[in-house]
Amino acid sequence: MRPARADAARAVRSGARVDRRDDEVSGRPEAHRRAAEERAKRTATKPKRGQGQWALGYFEPLNTPEQTKRDDDGMNVRERIEKIYAVQGFRSIPPPDLRSRFRWWGLYTQRKQGTPAGITATAEPEELEDEFFMLRIRIAGGLLTSEQLRAIAWVSERFGRDVADVTDRQNVQLHWIRVEDVPRIFEEIERVGLTTCEACGDTPRNMLGCPIAGIDGDEILDATPILEATHKRFVGDPAFSNLPRKYKTSISGCVQQCAQHEINDLSFVGTRGPDGSPGFDLWVGGGLGPNAHFA
């Protein structure tokens, strides 16, 4: 008995009609249909794998920064800085601490001098990192005493090549800082009531205020006591040291609204009520970056 496939081939070559109801041929579409149904059943019962998009309900897997934060709170890196890295040097710092948790204490690696700007998107982190740090000192409301300013100047002259930058969020940033010198810097600035705690990272960032609060004759109210109380309450609290992203706050009673309330996550803006008494308006949801929007 000749195979049905051979008969079908000869029929095609001879121009004869091929009966598509042949069991072997007609069975193929049915087999494909059954296979598709089985795949659909498996897909329906298999849980979808997300990429950590919380907005879509996927909490796993975490991306690298979030996994690093879960593994250890950034606040805990200070002890390792003082007891290990300052003793053993830059090369002793593992990547999760160097490129993430150091920020919880105001430390970012500096880019190597002479690095072409065009390679930053493709180069590996170790190709870009110098063995020096930028150190950010947070100054609540931008208010400094003369003693505090002298302490910053002393640290800058001794450890930062005599350079200090004032930022648009009322911080001071030092450069050319070696990890070996960080414990001594912490000691000096904390002696005068300053800190680098949570100056960077996914934390409550430095809180903005009016630079002439308390001496401006036209201000609605002096927000300094509230700003300082907020700083003391939230900075360094483990309950707020692992936020989804950095959190920016502004508190001001300035009639000119100089503390940029429109571009902060949370802002208290001085105003007067219907009876003329001073108080605050609450603004939420402002921000800059790729998706900039006003509160």
C-alpha atoms as a PDB file:
ATOM      1  CA  MET A   1       0.000   0.000   0.000  1.00  0.00           C
ATOM      2  CA  ARG A   2       1.454   3.312  -1.085  1.00  0.00           C
ATOM      3  CA  PRO A   3       1.684   6.227   1.365  1.00  0.00           C
ATOM      4  CA  ALA A   4      -1.094   8.814   1.028  1.00  0.00           C
ATOM      5  CA  ARG A   5       1.507  11.624   0.833  1.00  0.00           C
ATOM      6  CA  ALA A   6       3.100  10.055  -2.259  1.00  0.00           C
ATOM      7  CA  ASP A   7      -0.309   9.725  -3.910  1.00  0.00           C
ATOM      8  CA  ALA A   8      -1.083  13.370  -3.172  1.00  0.00           C
ATOM      9  CA  ALA A   9       2.226  14.503  -4.638  1.00  0.00           C
ATOM     10  CA  ARG A  10       1.656  12.474  -7.836  1.00  0.00           C
ATOM     11  CA  ALA A  11      -1.839  13.875  -8.120  1.00  0.00           C
ATOM     12  CA  VAL A  12      -0.499  17.434  -7.920  1.00  0.00           C
ATOM     13  CA  ARG A  13       2.132  16.742 -10.567  1.00  0.00           C
ATOM     14  CA  SER A  14      -0.498  15.254 -12.875  1.00  0.00           C
ATOM     15  CA  GLY A  15      -2.896  18.137 -12.340  1.00  0.00           C
ATOM     16  CA  ALA A  16      -5.452  15.903 -10.658  1.00  0.00           C
ATOM     17  CA  ARG A  17      -7.683  17.238  -7.870  1.00  0.00           C
ATOM     18  CA  VAL A  18      -6.399  16.529  -4.365  1.00  0.00           C
ATOM     19  CA  ASP A  19      -9.002  15.535  -1.797  1.00  0.00           C
ATOM     20  CA  ARG A  20      -8.246  17.807   1.197  1.00  0.00           C
ATOM     21  CA  ARG A  21     -10.464  15.644   3.351  1.00  0.00           C
ATOM     22  CA  ASP A  22      -7.668  13.113   3.510  1.00  0.00           C
ATOM     23  CA  ASP A  23      -7.257  12.182   7.187  1.00  0.00           C
ATOM     24  CA  GLU A  24      -3.583  13.120   7.383  1.00  0.00           C
ATOM     25  CA  VAL A  25      -3.962  16.498   5.707  1.00  0.00           C
ATOM     26  CA  SER A  26      -7.228  17.552   7.298  1.00  0.00           C
ATOM     27  CA  GLY A  27      -5.895  16.615  10.743  1.00  0.00           C
ATOM     28  CA  ARG A  28      -3.211  19.308  10.727  1.00  0.00           C
ATOM     29  CA  PRO A  29      -5.475  22.384  11.173  1.00  0.00           C
ATOM     30  CA  GLU A  30      -7.275  20.611  13.998  1.00  0.00           C
ATOM     31  CA  ALA A  31      -3.951  19.812  15.682  1.00  0.00           C
ATOM     32  CA  HIS A  32      -2.873  23.460  15.408  1.00  0.00           C
ATOM     33  CA  ARG A  33      -6.172  24.560  16.933  1.00  0.00           C
ATOM     34  CA  ARG A  34      -5.841  22.166  19.853  1.00  0.00           C
ATOM     35  CA  ALA A  35      -2.230  23.281  20.463  1.00  0.00           C
ATOM     36  CA  ALA A  36      -3.299  26.938  20.465  1.00  0.00           C
ATOM     37  CA  GLU A  37      -6.038  26.190  22.990  1.00  0.00           C
ATOM     38  CA  GLU A  38      -3.548  24.446  25.270  1.00  0.00           C
ATOM     39  CA  ARG A  39      -1.156  27.393  25.081  1.00  0.00           C
ATOM     40  CA  ALA A  40      -3.976  29.795  25.924  1.00  0.00           C
ATOM     41  CA  LYS A  41      -4.912  27.707  28.985  1.00  0.00           C
ATOM     42  CA  ARG A  42      -1.313  27.677  30.209  1.00  0.00           C
ATOM     43  CA  THR A  43      -0.965  31.422  29.680  1.00  0.00           C
ATOM     44  CA  ALA A  44      -4.199  32.127  31.523  1.00  0.00           C
ATOM     45  CA  THR A  45      -3.081  30.221  34.614  1.00  0.00           C
ATOM     46  CA  LYS A  46       0.537  31.420  34.605  1.00  0.00           C
ATOM     47  CA  PRO A  47       1.122  34.573  36.721  1.00  0.00           C
ATOM     48  CA  LYS A  48       2.379  37.543  34.760  1.00  0.00           C
ATOM     49  CA  ARG A  49       5.946  38.587  35.441  1.00  0.00           C
ATOM     50  CA  GLY A  50       6.249  42.315  36.026  1.00  0.00           C
ATOM     51  CA  GLN A  51       9.334  44.477  36.101  1.00  0.00           C
ATOM     52  CA  GLY A  52       8.779  46.151  39.422  1.00  0.00           C
ATOM     53  CA  GLN A  53       6.285  48.742  38.159  1.00  0.00           C
ATOM     54  CA  TRP A  54       4.450  49.584  41.374  1.00  0.00           C
ATOM     55  CA  ALA A  55       1.893  51.678  39.507  1.00  0.00           C
ATOM     56  CA  LEU A  56       0.834  48.519  37.640  1.00  0.00           C
ATOM     57  CA  GLY A  57       0.687  46.426  40.798  1.00  0.00           C
ATOM     58  CA  TYR A  58       4.016  44.635  40.329  1.00  0.00           C
ATOM     59  CA  PHE A  59       6.157  44.764  43.452  1.00  0.00           C
ATOM     60  CA  GLU A  60       8.623  42.103  42.283  1.00  0.00           C
ATOM     61  CA  PRO A  61      11.236  41.882  40.985  1.00  0.00           C
ATOM     62  CA  LEU A  62      12.777  45.044  42.389  1.00  0.00           C
ATOM     63  CA  ASN A  63      15.174  47.062  40.289  1.00  0.00           C
ATOM     64  CA  THR A  64      18.768  47.335  41.479  1.00  0.00           C
ATOM     65  CA  PRO A  65      18.410  50.554  43.546  1.00  0.00           C
ATOM     66  CA  GLU A  66      15.288  49.274  45.310  1.00  0.00           C
ATOM     67  CA  GLN A  67      16.865  45.876  45.984  1.00  0.00           C
ATOM     68  CA  THR A  68      19.911  47.631  47.460  1.00  0.00           C
ATOM     69  CA  LYS A  69      17.646  49.627  49.763  1.00  0.00           C
ATOM     70  CA  ARG A  70      15.793  46.492  50.828  1.00  0.00           C
ATOM     71  CA  ASP A  71      19.038  44.666  51.586  1.00  0.00           C
ATOM     72  CA  ASP A  72      20.213  47.372  53.981  1.00  0.00           C
ATOM     73  CA  ASP A  73      18.996  50.837  54.954  1.00  0.00           C
ATOM     74  CA  GLY A  74      21.285  53.548  53.628  1.00  0.00           C
ATOM     75  CA  MET A  75      21.533  55.057  57.092  1.00  0.00           C
ATOM     76  CA  ASN A  76      23.504  52.023  58.239  1.00  0.00           C
ATOM     77  CA  VAL A  77      26.437  52.726  55.914  1.00  0.00           C
ATOM     78  CA  ARG A  78      27.849  55.379  58.219  1.00  0.00           C
ATOM     79  CA  GLU A  79      29.312  52.807  60.591  1.00  0.00           C
ATOM     80  CA  ARG A  80      31.062  51.068  57.685  1.00  0.00           C
ATOM     81  CA  ILE A  81      32.417  54.396  56.433  1.00  0.00           C
ATOM     82  CA  GLU A  82      33.972  55.163  59.803  1.00  0.00           C
ATOM     83  CA  LYS A  83      35.201  51.706  60.768  1.00  0.00           C
ATOM     84  CA  ILE A  84      36.075  50.057  57.435  1.00  0.00           C
ATOM     85  CA  TYR A  85      36.267  52.294  54.375  1.00  0.00           C
ATOM     86  CA  ALA A  86      38.055  55.233  56.018  1.00  0.00           C
ATOM     87  CA  VAL A  87      40.668  52.753  57.225  1.00  0.00           C
ATOM     88  CA  GLN A  88      40.992  50.526  54.156  1.00  0.00           C
ATOM     89  CA  GLY A  89      40.452  53.176  51.489  1.00  0.00           C
ATOM     90  CA  PHE A  90      38.366  53.679  48.360  1.00  0.00           C
ATOM     91  CA  ARG A  91      38.994  50.266  46.822  1.00  0.00           C
ATOM     92  CA  SER A  92      37.477  48.529  49.838  1.00  0.00           C
ATOM     93  CA  ILE A  93      34.003  49.979  49.124  1.00  0.00           C
ATOM     94  CA  PRO A  94      31.582  47.513  47.458  1.00  0.00           C
ATOM     95  CA  PRO A  95      29.391  48.883  44.623  1.00  0.00           C
ATOM     96  CA  PRO A  96      26.036  48.865  46.517  1.00  0.00           C
ATOM     97  CA  ASP A  97      27.491  51.129  49.196  1.00  0.00           C
ATOM     98  CA  LEU A  98      29.586  53.235  46.825  1.00  0.00           C
ATOM     99  CA  ARG A  99      26.896  53.936  44.230  1.00  0.00           C
ATOM    100  CA  SER A 100      23.808  53.970  46.402  1.00  0.00           C
ATOM    101  CA  ARG A 101      23.979  53.977  50.211  1.00  0.00           C
ATOM    102  CA  PHE A 102      26.765  56.582  50.460  1.00  0.00           C
ATOM    103  CA  ARG A 103      24.180  59.105  49.248  1.00  0.00           C
ATOM    104  CA  TRP A 104      22.256  58.749  52.507  1.00  0.00           C
ATOM    105  CA  TRP A 105      25.233  60.527  54.094  1.00  0.00           C
ATOM    106  CA  GLY A 106      25.624  63.128  51.352  1.00  0.00           C
ATOM    107  CA  LEU A 107      28.383  61.410  49.343  1.00  0.00           C
ATOM    108  CA  TYR A 108      28.547  61.048  45.564  1.00  0.00           C
ATOM    109  CA  THR A 109      31.543  59.834  43.586  1.00  0.00           C
ATOM    110  CA  GLN A 110      33.168  62.421  41.340  1.00  0.00           C
ATOM    111  CA  ARG A 111      33.736  61.841  37.658  1.00  0.00           C
ATOM    112  CA  LYS A 112      37.322  61.300  36.589  1.00  0.00           C
ATOM    113  CA  GLN A 113      38.965  64.411  35.255  1.00  0.00           C
ATOM    114  CA  GLY A 114      39.142  64.532  31.473  1.00  0.00           C
ATOM    115  CA  THR A 115      36.318  62.028  30.924  1.00  0.00           C
ATOM    116  CA  PRO A 116      34.674  62.831  27.561  1.00  0.00           C
ATOM    117  CA  ALA A 117      31.026  63.752  28.011  1.00  0.00           C
ATOM    118  CA  GLY A 118      29.995  61.515  25.122  1.00  0.00           C
ATOM    119  CA  ILE A 119      30.867  58.237  26.819  1.00  0.00           C
ATOM    120  CA  THR A 120      28.801  58.639  29.982  1.00  0.00           C
ATOM    121  CA  ALA A 121      25.819  56.764  28.533  1.00  0.00           C
ATOM    122  CA  THR A 122      27.839  53.698  27.514  1.00  0.00           C
ATOM    123  CA  ALA A 123      30.766  53.516  29.933  1.00  0.00           C
ATOM    124  CA  GLU A 124      30.745  51.276  32.988  1.00  0.00           C
ATOM    125  CA  PRO A 125      30.527  53.108  36.357  1.00  0.00           C
ATOM    126  CA  GLU A 126      34.084  52.175  37.310  1.00  0.00           C
ATOM    127  CA  GLU A 127      35.318  53.826  34.101  1.00  0.00           C
ATOM    128  CA  LEU A 128      33.776  57.143  35.184  1.00  0.00           C
ATOM    129  CA  GLU A 129      34.395  57.175  38.931  1.00  0.00           C
ATOM    130  CA  ASP A 130      37.310  58.996  40.467  1.00  0.00           C
ATOM    131  CA  GLU A 131      38.510  58.110  43.967  1.00  0.00           C
ATOM    132  CA  PHE A 132      37.110  61.386  45.324  1.00  0.00           C
ATOM    133  CA  PHE A 133      33.667  62.414  46.510  1.00  0.00           C
ATOM    134  CA  MET A 134      31.319  65.347  46.472  1.00  0.00           C
ATOM    135  CA  LEU A 135      30.023  65.887  50.011  1.00  0.00           C
ATOM    136  CA  ARG A 136      26.721  67.722  50.492  1.00  0.00           C
ATOM    137  CA  ILE A 137      26.010  69.517  53.774  1.00  0.00           C
ATOM    138  CA  ARG A 138      22.345  70.217  54.360  1.00  0.00           C
ATOM    139  CA  ILE A 139      21.421  73.602  55.821  1.00  0.00           C
ATOM    140  CA  ALA A 140      17.765  73.777  56.832  1.00  0.00           C
ATOM    141  CA  GLY A 141      16.230  76.942  55.407  1.00  0.00           C
ATOM    142  CA  GLY A 142      19.685  78.134  54.344  1.00  0.00           C
ATOM    143  CA  LEU A 143      20.276  79.513  57.848  1.00  0.00           C
ATOM    144  CA  LEU A 144      23.914  79.504  59.028  1.00  0.00           C
ATOM    145  CA  THR A 145      25.602  80.945  62.072  1.00  0.00           C
ATOM    146  CA  SER A 146      29.059  82.478  61.757  1.00  0.00           C
ATOM    147  CA  GLU A 147      30.475  79.519  63.693  1.00  0.00           C
ATOM    148  CA  GLN A 148      28.912  77.067  61.270  1.00  0.00           C
ATOM    149  CA  LEU A 149      30.205  79.005  58.277  1.00  0.00           C
ATOM    150  CA  ARG A 150      33.730  78.993  59.709  1.00  0.00           C
ATOM    151  CA  ALA A 151      33.501  75.220  60.238  1.00  0.00           C
ATOM    152  CA  ILE A 152      32.524  74.700  56.594  1.00  0.00           C
ATOM    153  CA  ALA A 153      35.377  76.956  55.488  1.00  0.00           C
ATOM    154  CA  TRP A 154      37.855  75.013  57.640  1.00  0.00           C
ATOM    155  CA  VAL A 155      36.730  71.691  56.177  1.00  0.00           C
ATOM    156  CA  SER A 156      36.873  73.083  52.649  1.00  0.00           C
ATOM    157  CA  GLU A 157      40.376  74.481  53.109  1.00  0.00           C
ATOM    158  CA  ARG A 158      41.749  71.365  54.752  1.00  0.00           C
ATOM    159  CA  PHE A 159      40.005  68.576  52.817  1.00  0.00           C
ATOM    160  CA  GLY A 160      38.279  70.072  49.742  1.00  0.00           C
ATOM    161  CA  ARG A 161      40.948  72.093  47.915  1.00  0.00           C
ATOM    162  CA  ASP A 162      39.481  75.342  49.259  1.00  0.00           C
ATOM    163  CA  VAL A 163      36.273  75.097  47.197  1.00  0.00           C
ATOM    164  CA  ALA A 164      32.640  75.158  48.358  1.00  0.00           C
ATOM    165  CA  ASP A 165      29.503  75.448  46.218  1.00  0.00           C
ATOM    166  CA  VAL A 166      26.176  76.903  47.343  1.00  0.00           C
ATOM    167  CA  THR A 167      23.292  75.030  45.710  1.00  0.00           C
ATOM    168  CA  ASP A 168      19.823  76.172  44.672  1.00  0.00           C
ATOM    169  CA  ARG A 169      18.387  74.079  47.516  1.00  0.00           C
ATOM    170  CA  GLN A 170      20.393  75.964  50.140  1.00  0.00           C
ATOM    171  CA  ASN A 171      22.981  73.215  50.631  1.00  0.00           C
ATOM    172  CA  VAL A 172      26.759  73.566  50.561  1.00  0.00           C
ATOM    173  CA  GLN A 173      28.755  71.062  48.507  1.00  0.00           C
ATOM    174  CA  LEU A 174      32.435  70.248  48.929  1.00  0.00           C
ATOM    175  CA  HIS A 175      34.566  68.453  46.363  1.00  0.00           C
ATOM    176  CA  TRP A 176      37.771  66.398  46.234  1.00  0.00           C
ATOM    177  CA  ILE A 177      36.845  64.621  49.455  1.00  0.00           C
ATOM    178  CA  ARG A 178      38.677  61.372  50.246  1.00  0.00           C
ATOM    179  CA  VAL A 179      36.852  58.635  52.137  1.00  0.00           C
ATOM    180  CA  GLU A 180      39.752  58.548  54.602  1.00  0.00           C
ATOM    181  CA  ASP A 181      38.855  62.106  55.673  1.00  0.00           C
ATOM    182  CA  VAL A 182      35.089  61.692  55.970  1.00  0.00           C
ATOM    183  CA  PRO A 183      34.977  60.769  59.698  1.00  0.00           C
ATOM    184  CA  ARG A 184      36.964  63.892  60.581  1.00  0.00           C
ATOM    185  CA  ILE A 185      34.635  66.007  58.439  1.00  0.00           C
ATOM    186  CA  PHE A 186      31.571  64.515  60.113  1.00  0.00           C
ATOM    187  CA  GLU A 187      33.060  65.307  63.489  1.00  0.00           C
ATOM    188  CA  GLU A 188      33.775  68.938  62.645  1.00  0.00           C
ATOM    189  CA  ILE A 189      30.458  69.868  61.029  1.00  0.00           C
ATOM    190  CA  GLU A 190      28.373  68.016  63.609  1.00  0.00           C
ATOM    191  CA  ARG A 191      30.237  69.861  66.346  1.00  0.00           C
ATOM    192  CA  VAL A 192      28.511  73.047  65.178  1.00  0.00           C
ATOM    193  CA  GLY A 193      25.081  71.500  64.589  1.00  0.00           C
ATOM    194  CA  LEU A 194      25.302  70.696  60.863  1.00  0.00           C
ATOM    195  CA  THR A 195      24.878  67.335  59.145  1.00  0.00           C
ATOM    196  CA  THR A 196      25.118  65.518  55.828  1.00  0.00           C
ATOM    197  CA  CYS A 197      22.451  63.022  56.934  1.00  0.00           C
ATOM    198  CA  GLU A 198      20.008  62.337  54.071  1.00  0.00           C
ATOM    199  CA  ALA A 199      21.361  65.219  52.027  1.00  0.00           C
ATOM    200  CA  CYS A 200      21.046  62.841  49.051  1.00  0.00           C
ATOM    201  CA  GLY A 201      19.259  59.554  48.383  1.00  0.00           C
ATOM    202  CA  ASP A 202      15.578  58.627  48.504  1.00  0.00           C
ATOM    203  CA  THR A 203      14.939  60.646  51.631  1.00  0.00           C
ATOM    204  CA  PRO A 204      13.463  63.952  52.866  1.00  0.00           C
ATOM    205  CA  ARG A 205      15.864  66.396  51.227  1.00  0.00           C
ATOM    206  CA  ASN A 206      16.930  69.757  52.586  1.00  0.00           C
ATOM    207  CA  MET A 207      13.929  71.926  53.434  1.00  0.00           C
ATOM    208  CA  LEU A 208      13.782  75.316  51.758  1.00  0.00           C
ATOM    209  CA  GLY A 209      12.901  78.530  53.539  1.00  0.00           C
ATOM    210  CA  CYS A 210      13.085  82.266  53.007  1.00  0.00           C
ATOM    211  CA  PRO A 211      16.708  83.473  53.369  1.00  0.00           C
ATOM    212  CA  ILE A 212      15.602  86.582  55.261  1.00  0.00           C
ATOM    213  CA  ALA A 213      12.981  84.924  57.442  1.00  0.00           C
ATOM    214  CA  GLY A 214      12.627  86.674  60.759  1.00  0.00           C
ATOM    215  CA  ILE A 215      14.138  89.951  59.578  1.00  0.00           C
ATOM    216  CA  ASP A 216      11.872  90.751  56.620  1.00  0.00           C
ATOM    217  CA  GLY A 217       9.516  93.496  57.713  1.00  0.00           C
ATOM    218  CA  ASP A 218       6.942  92.515  55.098  1.00  0.00           C
ATOM    219  CA  GLU A 219       6.791  88.761  55.782  1.00  0.00           C
ATOM    220  CA  ILE A 220       3.441  87.209  56.636  1.00  0.00           C
ATOM    221  CA  LEU A 221       5.012  85.127  59.384  1.00  0.00           C
ATOM    222  CA  ASP A 222       8.421  83.806  60.388  1.00  0.00           C
ATOM    223  CA  ALA A 223       8.348  80.117  59.417  1.00  0.00           C
ATOM    224  CA  THR A 224      11.790  79.377  60.881  1.00  0.00           C
ATOM    225  CA  PRO A 225      10.599  77.619  64.062  1.00  0.00           C
ATOM    226  CA  ILE A 226       8.285  75.343  62.060  1.00  0.00           C
ATOM    227  CA  LEU A 227      10.970  74.596  59.481  1.00  0.00           C
ATOM    228  CA  GLU A 228      13.538  73.720  62.145  1.00  0.00           C
ATOM    229  CA  ALA A 229      11.034  71.534  64.011  1.00  0.00           C
ATOM    230  CA  THR A 230      10.220  69.692  60.765  1.00  0.00           C
ATOM    231  CA  HIS A 231      13.923  69.138  60.093  1.00  0.00           C
ATOM    232  CA  LYS A 232      14.487  67.694  63.569  1.00  0.00           C
ATOM    233  CA  ARG A 233      11.399  65.504  63.376  1.00  0.00           C
ATOM    234  CA  PHE A 234      11.990  63.805  60.031  1.00  0.00           C
ATOM    235  CA  VAL A 235      15.711  63.867  59.146  1.00  0.00           C
ATOM    236  CA  GLY A 236      17.367  60.664  60.301  1.00  0.00           C
ATOM    237  CA  ASP A 237      14.110  58.919  61.201  1.00  0.00           C
ATOM    238  CA  PRO A 238      14.292  55.322  59.822  1.00  0.00           C
ATOM    239  CA  ALA A 239      10.563  55.461  59.107  1.00  0.00           C
ATOM    240  CA  PHE A 240      11.323  57.949  56.299  1.00  0.00           C
ATOM    241  CA  SER A 241      14.766  56.779  55.145  1.00  0.00           C
ATOM    242  CA  ASN A 242      13.511  54.532  52.342  1.00  0.00           C
ATOM    243  CA  LEU A 243      11.125  56.623  50.269  1.00  0.00           C
ATOM    244  CA  PRO A 244      10.259  55.708  46.660  1.00  0.00           C
ATOM    245  CA  ARG A 245      12.228  58.763  45.552  1.00  0.00           C
ATOM    246  CA  LYS A 246      13.707  61.961  46.964  1.00  0.00           C
ATOM    247  CA  TYR A 247      11.155  64.133  48.751  1.00  0.00           C
ATOM    248  CA  LYS A 248      11.416  67.907  48.599  1.00  0.00           C
ATOM    249  CA  THR A 249       9.809  70.341  51.035  1.00  0.00           C
ATOM    250  CA  SER A 250       9.450  74.114  51.221  1.00  0.00           C
ATOM    251  CA  ILE A 251       8.227  76.100  54.249  1.00  0.00           C
ATOM    252  CA  SER A 252       8.085  79.883  54.062  1.00  0.00           C
ATOM    253  CA  GLY A 253       6.077  82.862  55.255  1.00  0.00           C
ATOM    254  CA  CYS A 254       7.622  85.218  52.687  1.00  0.00           C
ATOM    255  CA  VAL A 255       5.185  87.538  50.948  1.00  0.00           C
ATOM    256  CA  GLN A 256       7.242  87.151  47.749  1.00  0.00           C
ATOM    257  CA  GLN A 257       6.872  83.344  47.878  1.00  0.00           C
ATOM    258  CA  CYS A 258      10.597  82.979  47.276  1.00  0.00           C
ATOM    259  CA  ALA A 259      10.934  79.350  48.417  1.00  0.00           C
ATOM    260  CA  GLN A 260       9.815  77.793  45.119  1.00  0.00           C
ATOM    261  CA  HIS A 261       6.650  76.167  46.399  1.00  0.00           C
ATOM    262  CA  GLU A 262       5.448  75.286  42.878  1.00  0.00           C
ATOM    263  CA  ILE A 263       8.273  72.775  42.273  1.00  0.00           C
ATOM    264  CA  ASN A 264       8.385  70.951  45.608  1.00  0.00           C
ATOM    265  CA  ASP A 265       6.595  67.776  46.619  1.00  0.00           C
ATOM    266  CA  LEU A 266       5.146  69.481  49.688  1.00  0.00           C
ATOM    267  CA  SER A 267       5.071  73.201  50.431  1.00  0.00           C
ATOM    268  CA  PHE A 268       3.663  75.418  53.135  1.00  0.00           C
ATOM    269  CA  VAL A 269       3.159  78.940  51.833  1.00  0.00           C
ATOM    270  CA  GLY A 270       2.478  81.891  54.108  1.00  0.00           C
ATOM    271  CA  THR A 271      -0.921  83.511  53.621  1.00  0.00           C
ATOM    272  CA  ARG A 272      -3.584  85.445  55.492  1.00  0.00           C
ATOM    273  CA  GLY A 273      -7.020  84.096  56.235  1.00  0.00           C
ATOM    274  CA  PRO A 274     -10.332  85.902  55.731  1.00  0.00           C
ATOM    275  CA  ASP A 275      -9.938  87.541  59.141  1.00  0.00           C
ATOM    276  CA  GLY A 276      -6.383  88.641  58.350  1.00  0.00           C
ATOM    277  CA  SER A 277      -4.669  86.146  60.657  1.00  0.00           C
ATOM    278  CA  PRO A 278      -1.451  84.554  59.322  1.00  0.00           C
ATOM    279  CA  GLY A 279      -1.284  80.881  58.373  1.00  0.00           C
ATOM    280  CA  PHE A 280      -0.277  78.544  55.555  1.00  0.00           C
ATOM    281  CA  ASP A 281      -1.606  77.344  52.231  1.00  0.00           C
ATOM    282  CA  LEU A 282      -0.680  73.730  51.456  1.00  0.00           C
ATOM    283  CA  TRP A 283       0.691  72.915  47.991  1.00  0.00           C
ATOM    284  CA  VAL A 284       1.485  69.344  46.894  1.00  0.00           C
ATOM    285  CA  GLY A 285       2.846  67.477  43.897  1.00  0.00           C
ATOM    286  CA  GLY A 286       5.338  69.848  42.300  1.00  0.00           C
ATOM    287  CA  GLY A 287       8.602  68.676  40.761  1.00  0.00           C
ATOM    288  CA  LEU A 288      11.292  69.114  38.134  1.00  0.00           C
ATOM    289  CA  GLY A 289      13.084  66.509  36.030  1.00  0.00           C
ATOM    290  CA  PRO A 290      11.935  64.765  32.825  1.00  0.00           C
ATOM    291  CA  ASN A 291       8.250  65.116  33.786  1.00  0.00           C
ATOM    292  CA  ALA A 292       8.329  68.579  35.339  1.00  0.00           C
ATOM    293  CA  HIS A 293       5.038  69.927  36.650  1.00  0.00           C
ATOM    294  CA  PHE A 294       3.790  72.579  39.053  1.00  0.00           C
ATOM    295  CA  ALA A 295       2.083  71.790  42.358  1.00  0.00           C
END
